[in-house]
C-alpha atoms as a PDB file:
ATOM      1  CA  MET A   1       0.000   0.000   0.000  1.00  0.00           C
ATOM      2  CA  LYS A   2       1.561   3.292  -1.121  1.00  0.00           C
ATOM      3  CA  ASN A   3       1.461   6.182   1.314  1.00  0.00           C
ATOM      4  CA  PHE A   4       0.571   9.574  -0.153  1.00  0.00           C
ATOM      5  CA  ASP A   5      -1.553  12.583   0.770  1.00  0.00           C
ATOM      6  CA  LEU A   6      -3.565  14.081  -2.089  1.00  0.00           C
ATOM      7  CA  SER A   7      -5.211  16.783   0.036  1.00  0.00           C
ATOM      8  CA  LEU A   8      -3.463  19.838  -1.448  1.00  0.00           C
ATOM      9  CA  TYR A   9      -2.058  19.037  -4.853  1.00  0.00           C
ATOM     10  CA  LEU A  10      -0.196  21.782  -6.724  1.00  0.00           C
ATOM     11  CA  VAL A  11       0.131  21.499 -10.497  1.00  0.00           C
ATOM     12  CA  LEU A  12       2.947  23.771 -11.691  1.00  0.00           C
ATOM     13  CA  ASP A  13       2.371  25.886 -14.783  1.00  0.00           C
ATOM     14  CA  PRO A  14       5.558  27.304 -16.368  1.00  0.00           C
ATOM     15  CA  VAL A  15       3.798  30.346 -17.837  1.00  0.00           C
ATOM     16  CA  LEU A  16       1.972  31.359 -14.669  1.00  0.00           C
ATOM     17  CA  CYS A  17       5.075  30.663 -12.565  1.00  0.00           C
ATOM     18  CA  ALA A  18       7.385  32.612 -14.898  1.00  0.00           C
ATOM     19  CA  GLN A  19       7.955  35.530 -12.560  1.00  0.00           C
ATOM     20  CA  ILE A  20       9.464  33.582  -9.649  1.00  0.00           C
ATOM     21  CA  GLY A  21       9.932  30.234 -11.377  1.00  0.00           C
ATOM     22  CA  MET A  22       8.486  26.790 -10.792  1.00  0.00           C
ATOM     23  CA  VAL A  23      11.059  25.750  -8.186  1.00  0.00           C
ATOM     24  CA  GLU A  24      10.527  28.802  -5.958  1.00  0.00           C
ATOM     25  CA  THR A  25       6.752  28.539  -6.393  1.00  0.00           C
ATOM     26  CA  ALA A  26       6.889  24.897  -5.296  1.00  0.00           C
ATOM     27  CA  ARG A  27       9.144  25.680  -2.337  1.00  0.00           C
ATOM     28  CA  ALA A  28       6.775  28.432  -1.141  1.00  0.00           C
ATOM     29  CA  ALA A  29       3.660  26.317  -1.728  1.00  0.00           C
ATOM     30  CA  VAL A  30       5.027  23.395   0.286  1.00  0.00           C
ATOM     31  CA  ALA A  31       5.877  25.812   3.107  1.00  0.00           C
ATOM     32  CA  GLY A  32       2.228  26.898   2.907  1.00  0.00           C
ATOM     33  CA  GLY A  33       0.896  23.354   3.110  1.00  0.00           C
ATOM     34  CA  ALA A  34       1.001  21.712  -0.344  1.00  0.00           C
ATOM     35  CA  THR A  35       1.336  17.925   0.005  1.00  0.00           C
ATOM     36  CA  ILE A  36       2.092  17.036  -3.621  1.00  0.00           C
ATOM     37  CA  VAL A  37       3.765  18.996  -6.423  1.00  0.00           C
ATOM     38  CA  GLN A  38       3.240  18.006 -10.047  1.00  0.00           C
ATOM     39  CA  LEU A  39       5.726  19.142 -12.682  1.00  0.00           C
ATOM     40  CA  ARG A  40       3.648  19.822 -15.803  1.00  0.00           C
ATOM     41  CA  ASP A  41       5.225  21.465 -18.821  1.00  0.00           C
ATOM     42  CA  LYS A  42       3.795  20.156 -22.086  1.00  0.00           C
ATOM     43  CA  HIS A  43       6.265  22.129 -24.214  1.00  0.00           C
ATOM     44  CA  ALA A  44       9.526  21.263 -22.440  1.00  0.00           C
ATOM     45  CA  SER A  45      11.909  18.623 -23.758  1.00  0.00           C
ATOM     46  CA  THR A  46      12.635  15.575 -21.632  1.00  0.00           C
ATOM     47  CA  SER A  47      16.096  16.918 -20.775  1.00  0.00           C
ATOM     48  CA  ALA A  48      14.627  20.284 -19.680  1.00  0.00           C
ATOM     49  CA  LEU A  49      12.038  18.479 -17.544  1.00  0.00           C
ATOM     50  CA  ILE A  50      14.767  16.386 -15.936  1.00  0.00           C
ATOM     51  CA  GLU A  51      16.765  19.516 -15.101  1.00  0.00           C
ATOM     52  CA  THR A  52      13.733  21.209 -13.506  1.00  0.00           C
ATOM     53  CA  GLY A  53      12.768  17.956 -11.815  1.00  0.00           C
ATOM     54  CA  PHE A  54      16.153  17.611 -10.104  1.00  0.00           C
ATOM     55  CA  ALA A  55      15.912  21.200  -8.854  1.00  0.00           C
ATOM     56  CA  LEU A  56      12.391  20.533  -7.549  1.00  0.00           C
ATOM     57  CA  LYS A  57      13.488  17.319  -5.876  1.00  0.00           C
ATOM     58  CA  GLU A  58      16.244  19.191  -4.098  1.00  0.00           C
ATOM     59  CA  ALA A  59      13.827  21.966  -3.041  1.00  0.00           C
ATOM     60  CA  LEU A  60      11.322  19.434  -1.663  1.00  0.00           C
ATOM     61  CA  TYR A  61      13.882  17.248   0.096  1.00  0.00           C
ATOM     62  CA  GLY A  62      12.983  16.669   3.727  1.00  0.00           C
ATOM     63  CA  THR A  63       9.577  18.404   3.474  1.00  0.00           C
ATOM     64  CA  GLY A  64       7.494  15.252   3.100  1.00  0.00           C
ATOM     65  CA  ALA A  65       5.888  16.671  -0.064  1.00  0.00           C
ATOM     66  CA  LEU A  66       5.948  14.330  -3.060  1.00  0.00           C
ATOM     67  CA  LEU A  67       7.018  15.115  -6.626  1.00  0.00           C
ATOM     68  CA  ILE A  68       4.895  13.834  -9.524  1.00  0.00           C
ATOM     69  CA  VAL A  69       5.870  14.263 -13.186  1.00  0.00           C
ATOM     70  CA  ASN A  70       3.156  14.775 -15.778  1.00  0.00           C
ATOM     71  CA  ASP A  71       3.157  12.623 -18.894  1.00  0.00           C
ATOM     72  CA  ASP A  72       6.917  12.146 -19.464  1.00  0.00           C
ATOM     73  CA  VAL A  73       7.785   8.622 -18.285  1.00  0.00           C
ATOM     74  CA  GLU A  74      11.472   8.926 -19.169  1.00  0.00           C
ATOM     75  CA  ALA A  75      11.804  12.162 -17.176  1.00  0.00           C
ATOM     76  CA  ALA A  76       9.966  10.691 -14.166  1.00  0.00           C
ATOM     77  CA  ILE A  77      12.321   7.699 -14.122  1.00  0.00           C
ATOM     78  CA  ALA A  78      15.483   9.784 -14.625  1.00  0.00           C
ATOM     79  CA  ILE A  79      14.522  12.213 -11.843  1.00  0.00           C
ATOM     80  CA  GLY A  80      13.585   9.405  -9.485  1.00  0.00           C
ATOM     81  CA  ALA A  81      10.248  11.170  -8.968  1.00  0.00           C
ATOM     82  CA  ASP A  82       7.717   9.840  -6.484  1.00  0.00           C
ATOM     83  CA  GLY A  83       5.171   9.419  -9.221  1.00  0.00           C
ATOM     84  CA  LEU A  84       3.926   9.837 -12.774  1.00  0.00           C
ATOM     85  CA  HIS A  85       0.578  11.269 -13.876  1.00  0.00           C
ATOM     86  CA  ILE A  86      -0.840  10.560 -17.320  1.00  0.00           C
ATOM     87  CA  GLY A  87      -3.947  11.545 -19.234  1.00  0.00           C
ATOM     88  CA  GLN A  88      -6.233   9.264 -21.225  1.00  0.00           C
ATOM     89  CA  ASP A  89      -4.548  10.292 -24.494  1.00  0.00           C
ATOM     90  CA  ASP A  90      -0.936  10.254 -23.285  1.00  0.00           C
ATOM     91  CA  ARG A  91       0.218   6.655 -23.159  1.00  0.00           C
ATOM     92  CA  ASP A  92      -1.164   3.184 -22.422  1.00  0.00           C
ATOM     93  CA  ILE A  93      -1.565   2.837 -18.659  1.00  0.00           C
ATOM     94  CA  HIS A  94      -0.239  -0.758 -18.604  1.00  0.00           C
ATOM     95  CA  GLU A  95       2.862   0.258 -20.541  1.00  0.00           C
ATOM     96  CA  ALA A  96       3.411   3.208 -18.185  1.00  0.00           C
ATOM     97  CA  ARG A  97       3.215   0.922 -15.144  1.00  0.00           C
ATOM     98  CA  ARG A  98       5.596  -1.573 -16.728  1.00  0.00           C
ATOM     99  CA  MET A  99       8.118   1.197 -17.400  1.00  0.00           C
ATOM    100  CA  ILE A 100       8.025   2.855 -13.975  1.00  0.00           C
ATOM    101  CA  GLY A 101       7.860  -0.388 -11.994  1.00  0.00           C
ATOM    102  CA  PRO A 102       5.597  -1.313  -9.071  1.00  0.00           C
ATOM    103  CA  ASP A 103       6.765   1.258  -6.507  1.00  0.00           C
ATOM    104  CA  MET A 104       6.230   4.609  -8.234  1.00  0.00           C
ATOM    105  CA  ILE A 105       2.837   6.276  -7.732  1.00  0.00           C
ATOM    106  CA  LEU A 106       0.758   6.306 -10.925  1.00  0.00           C
ATOM    107  CA  GLY A 107      -2.068   8.802 -11.416  1.00  0.00           C
ATOM    108  CA  LEU A 108      -4.589   8.847 -14.258  1.00  0.00           C
ATOM    109  CA  SER A 109      -6.910  11.641 -15.449  1.00  0.00           C
ATOM    110  CA  VAL A 110     -10.571  10.647 -15.726  1.00  0.00           C
ATOM    111  CA  GLU A 111     -13.378  12.792 -17.107  1.00  0.00           C
ATOM    112  CA  THR A 112     -16.335  10.382 -17.195  1.00  0.00           C
ATOM    113  CA  GLU A 113     -18.057   7.747 -15.060  1.00  0.00           C
ATOM    114  CA  ALA A 114     -17.193   5.086 -17.647  1.00  0.00           C
ATOM    115  CA  LEU A 115     -13.478   5.889 -17.443  1.00  0.00           C
ATOM    116  CA  ALA A 116     -13.624   5.891 -13.626  1.00  0.00           C
ATOM    117  CA  SER A 117     -15.274   2.480 -13.379  1.00  0.00           C
ATOM    118  CA  ALA A 118     -12.755   1.063 -15.903  1.00  0.00           C
ATOM    119  CA  ILE A 119      -9.767   1.896 -13.648  1.00  0.00           C
ATOM    120  CA  ASP A 120      -7.688  -1.099 -12.578  1.00  0.00           C
ATOM    121  CA  ALA A 121      -6.752  -0.452  -8.939  1.00  0.00           C
ATOM    122  CA  GLY A 122      -3.893  -2.920  -9.333  1.00  0.00           C
ATOM    123  CA  ILE A 123      -2.216  -0.542 -11.790  1.00  0.00           C
ATOM    124  CA  VAL A 124      -3.467   2.982 -10.981  1.00  0.00           C
ATOM    125  CA  ASP A 125      -2.933   4.532  -7.532  1.00  0.00           C
ATOM    126  CA  TYR A 126      -5.127   7.627  -7.798  1.00  0.00           C
ATOM    127  CA  ALA A 127      -7.372   9.445 -10.254  1.00  0.00           C
ATOM    128  CA  GLY A 128      -7.387  13.129 -11.170  1.00  0.00           C
ATOM    129  CA  VAL A 129     -11.067  13.918 -11.734  1.00  0.00           C
ATOM    130  CA  GLY A 130     -12.257  16.908 -13.724  1.00  0.00           C
ATOM    131  CA  PRO A 131     -12.338  19.484 -15.004  1.00  0.00           C
ATOM    132  CA  VAL A 132     -14.813  20.666 -12.382  1.00  0.00           C
ATOM    133  CA  PHE A 133     -14.866  24.119 -14.040  1.00  0.00           C
ATOM    134  CA  ALA A 134     -13.496  25.435 -17.322  1.00  0.00           C
ATOM    135  CA  THR A 135      -9.905  26.581 -16.909  1.00  0.00           C
ATOM    136  CA  PRO A 136      -7.560  28.591 -19.152  1.00  0.00           C
ATOM    137  CA  THR A 137      -4.506  26.648 -17.902  1.00  0.00           C
ATOM    138  CA  LYS A 138      -5.635  23.643 -19.956  1.00  0.00           C
ATOM    139  CA  PRO A 139      -7.405  24.997 -23.054  1.00  0.00           C
ATOM    140  CA  ASP A 140      -7.948  21.519 -24.572  1.00  0.00           C
ATOM    141  CA  HIS A 141      -9.785  20.167 -21.535  1.00  0.00           C
ATOM    142  CA  LYS A 142     -12.980  18.130 -21.746  1.00  0.00           C
ATOM    143  CA  GLN A 143     -16.447  19.436 -20.845  1.00  0.00           C
ATOM    144  CA  PRO A 144     -16.599  20.747 -17.234  1.00  0.00           C
ATOM    145  CA  ILE A 145     -18.411  18.323 -14.921  1.00  0.00           C
ATOM    146  CA  GLY A 146     -19.395  20.539 -11.954  1.00  0.00           C
ATOM    147  CA  PHE A 147     -19.654  19.219  -8.395  1.00  0.00           C
ATOM    148  CA  ASP A 148     -22.534  16.825  -9.187  1.00  0.00           C
ATOM    149  CA  GLY A 149     -20.505  15.287 -11.991  1.00  0.00           C
ATOM    150  CA  LEU A 150     -17.493  15.109  -9.685  1.00  0.00           C
ATOM    151  CA  ALA A 151     -19.485  13.213  -7.042  1.00  0.00           C
ATOM    152  CA  GLY A 152     -20.871  10.815  -9.662  1.00  0.00           C
ATOM    153  CA  ILE A 153     -17.418   9.960 -11.012  1.00  0.00           C
ATOM    154  CA  ILE A 154     -15.884   9.604  -7.540  1.00  0.00           C
ATOM    155  CA  ARG A 155     -18.615   7.155  -6.513  1.00  0.00           C
ATOM    156  CA  LEU A 156     -17.443   4.790  -9.268  1.00  0.00           C
ATOM    157  CA  CYS A 157     -13.709   5.301  -8.725  1.00  0.00           C
ATOM    158  CA  PRO A 158     -11.921   2.324  -7.082  1.00  0.00           C
ATOM    159  CA  VAL A 159      -8.886   4.472  -6.109  1.00  0.00           C
ATOM    160  CA  PRO A 160      -8.353   7.751  -4.174  1.00  0.00           C
ATOM    161  CA  THR A 161      -9.297  10.888  -6.105  1.00  0.00           C
ATOM    162  CA  VAL A 162      -8.143  14.487  -6.479  1.00  0.00           C
ATOM    163  CA  ALA A 163     -10.454  17.064  -8.090  1.00  0.00           C
ATOM    164  CA  ILE A 164      -9.042  19.510 -10.644  1.00  0.00           C
ATOM    165  CA  GLY A 165     -10.196  22.334 -12.899  1.00  0.00           C
ATOM    166  CA  GLY A 166     -10.555  25.991 -11.939  1.00  0.00           C
ATOM    167  CA  LEU A 167     -10.591  25.257  -8.202  1.00  0.00           C
ATOM    168  CA  LYS A 168      -9.803  27.757  -5.439  1.00  0.00           C
ATOM    169  CA  ALA A 169      -9.893  27.891  -1.622  1.00  0.00           C
ATOM    170  CA  GLU A 170     -13.631  28.632  -1.591  1.00  0.00           C
ATOM    171  CA  HIS A 171     -14.339  25.361  -3.400  1.00  0.00           C
ATOM    172  CA  ALA A 172     -12.670  23.115  -0.798  1.00  0.00           C
ATOM    173  CA  ALA A 173     -15.916  22.313   1.055  1.00  0.00           C
ATOM    174  CA  ASP A 174     -17.735  21.250  -2.133  1.00  0.00           C
ATOM    175  CA  VAL A 175     -14.755  19.220  -3.342  1.00  0.00           C
ATOM    176  CA  PHE A 176     -14.526  17.158  -0.154  1.00  0.00           C
ATOM    177  CA  LYS A 177     -18.328  16.900   0.142  1.00  0.00           C
ATOM    178  CA  ALA A 178     -18.292  15.294  -3.310  1.00  0.00           C
ATOM    179  CA  GLY A 179     -16.030  12.606  -1.824  1.00  0.00           C
ATOM    180  CA  ALA A 180     -12.628  13.678  -3.187  1.00  0.00           C
ATOM    181  CA  ASP A 181      -9.461  12.984  -1.212  1.00  0.00           C
ATOM    182  CA  GLY A 182      -7.837  16.188  -2.395  1.00  0.00           C
ATOM    183  CA  ILE A 183      -8.044  19.430  -4.329  1.00  0.00           C
ATOM    184  CA  ALA A 184      -5.636  20.145  -7.198  1.00  0.00           C
ATOM    185  CA  VAL A 185      -4.908  23.782  -8.016  1.00  0.00           C
ATOM    186  CA  VAL A 186      -2.914  25.655 -10.628  1.00  0.00           C
ATOM    187  CA  SER A 187      -3.713  29.369 -10.927  1.00  0.00           C
ATOM    188  CA  ALA A 188      -4.896  29.629  -7.294  1.00  0.00           C
ATOM    189  CA  ILE A 189      -1.183  29.324  -6.373  1.00  0.00           C
ATOM    190  CA  CYS A 190       0.950  29.711  -9.525  1.00  0.00           C
ATOM    191  CA  GLY A 191       1.461  33.346 -10.454  1.00  0.00           C
ATOM    192  CA  THR A 192       0.047  34.749  -7.206  1.00  0.00           C
ATOM    193  CA  PRO A 193       2.153  37.464  -5.509  1.00  0.00           C
ATOM    194  CA  ASP A 194       2.698  35.226  -2.442  1.00  0.00           C
ATOM    195  CA  PRO A 195       2.397  31.499  -3.241  1.00  0.00           C
ATOM    196  CA  ALA A 196       2.994  30.478   0.398  1.00  0.00           C
ATOM    197  CA  ALA A 197       0.102  32.655   1.614  1.00  0.00           C
ATOM    198  CA  ALA A 198      -2.123  31.532  -1.277  1.00  0.00           C
ATOM    199  CA  THR A 199      -1.424  27.900  -0.391  1.00  0.00           C
ATOM    200  CA  ALA A 200      -1.995  28.480   3.321  1.00  0.00           C
ATOM    201  CA  LEU A 201      -5.426  29.916   2.490  1.00  0.00           C
ATOM    202  CA  ILE A 202      -6.374  26.667   0.740  1.00  0.00           C
ATOM    203  CA  ALA A 203      -4.765  24.533   3.475  1.00  0.00           C
ATOM    204  CA  ASP A 204      -6.852  26.365   6.111  1.00  0.00           C
ATOM    205  CA  ALA A 205     -10.018  25.817   4.057  1.00  0.00           C
ATOM    206  CA  ILE A 206      -9.224  22.080   3.873  1.00  0.00           C
ATOM    207  CA  LYS A 207      -8.678  21.925   7.645  1.00  0.00           C
ATOM    208  CA  GLU A 208     -12.076  23.587   8.209  1.00  0.00           C
ATOM    209  CA  VAL A 209     -13.794  20.991   6.029  1.00  0.00           C
ATOM    210  CA  ARG A 210     -12.046  18.049   7.688  1.00  0.00           C
ATOM    211  CA  LYS A 211     -12.732  19.100  11.294  1.00  0.00           C
END
């Protein structure tokens, strides 16, 4: 049984983070309460991802926060990341698991109830469910599902879930009420003037919900 905490899941966006950089954003966010950091940069080469990934790993060392790499299996392996997250259109899930081995965390994006119920809990460790709302950080996203759609998908999911898509601190209550194990955020932290304070705001909202 893998041990990980999905509660406050930061997805890094290189454009939004440009002013202070992804590494400093991650460092500040973890200080503010982020439990997982995902390195997502769809336009970076594998070697550039590896370079950023090593810097992130160093920044997160000793914090307890985990590092997940989006989509790039080779980069995740080279970095020695804690996990890999892939979308439905990225790569075959069985092939991804074979490549990363049994110990690395493997996350999968799901947008529908059918995809959720098809998850093999022997291969996938958690599901990213969404988008809850439309979001400019992922212009090619599927149709937003709202909180009712989120709850419906989570009910059929055989693995822990993290909700994603336009979410902010004020959505924490609805996210956890829908049954999610965590809230994933991008613009609510990336590109804010004070990422640590922005993260702490969300962390406090999560604590309120879980009292």
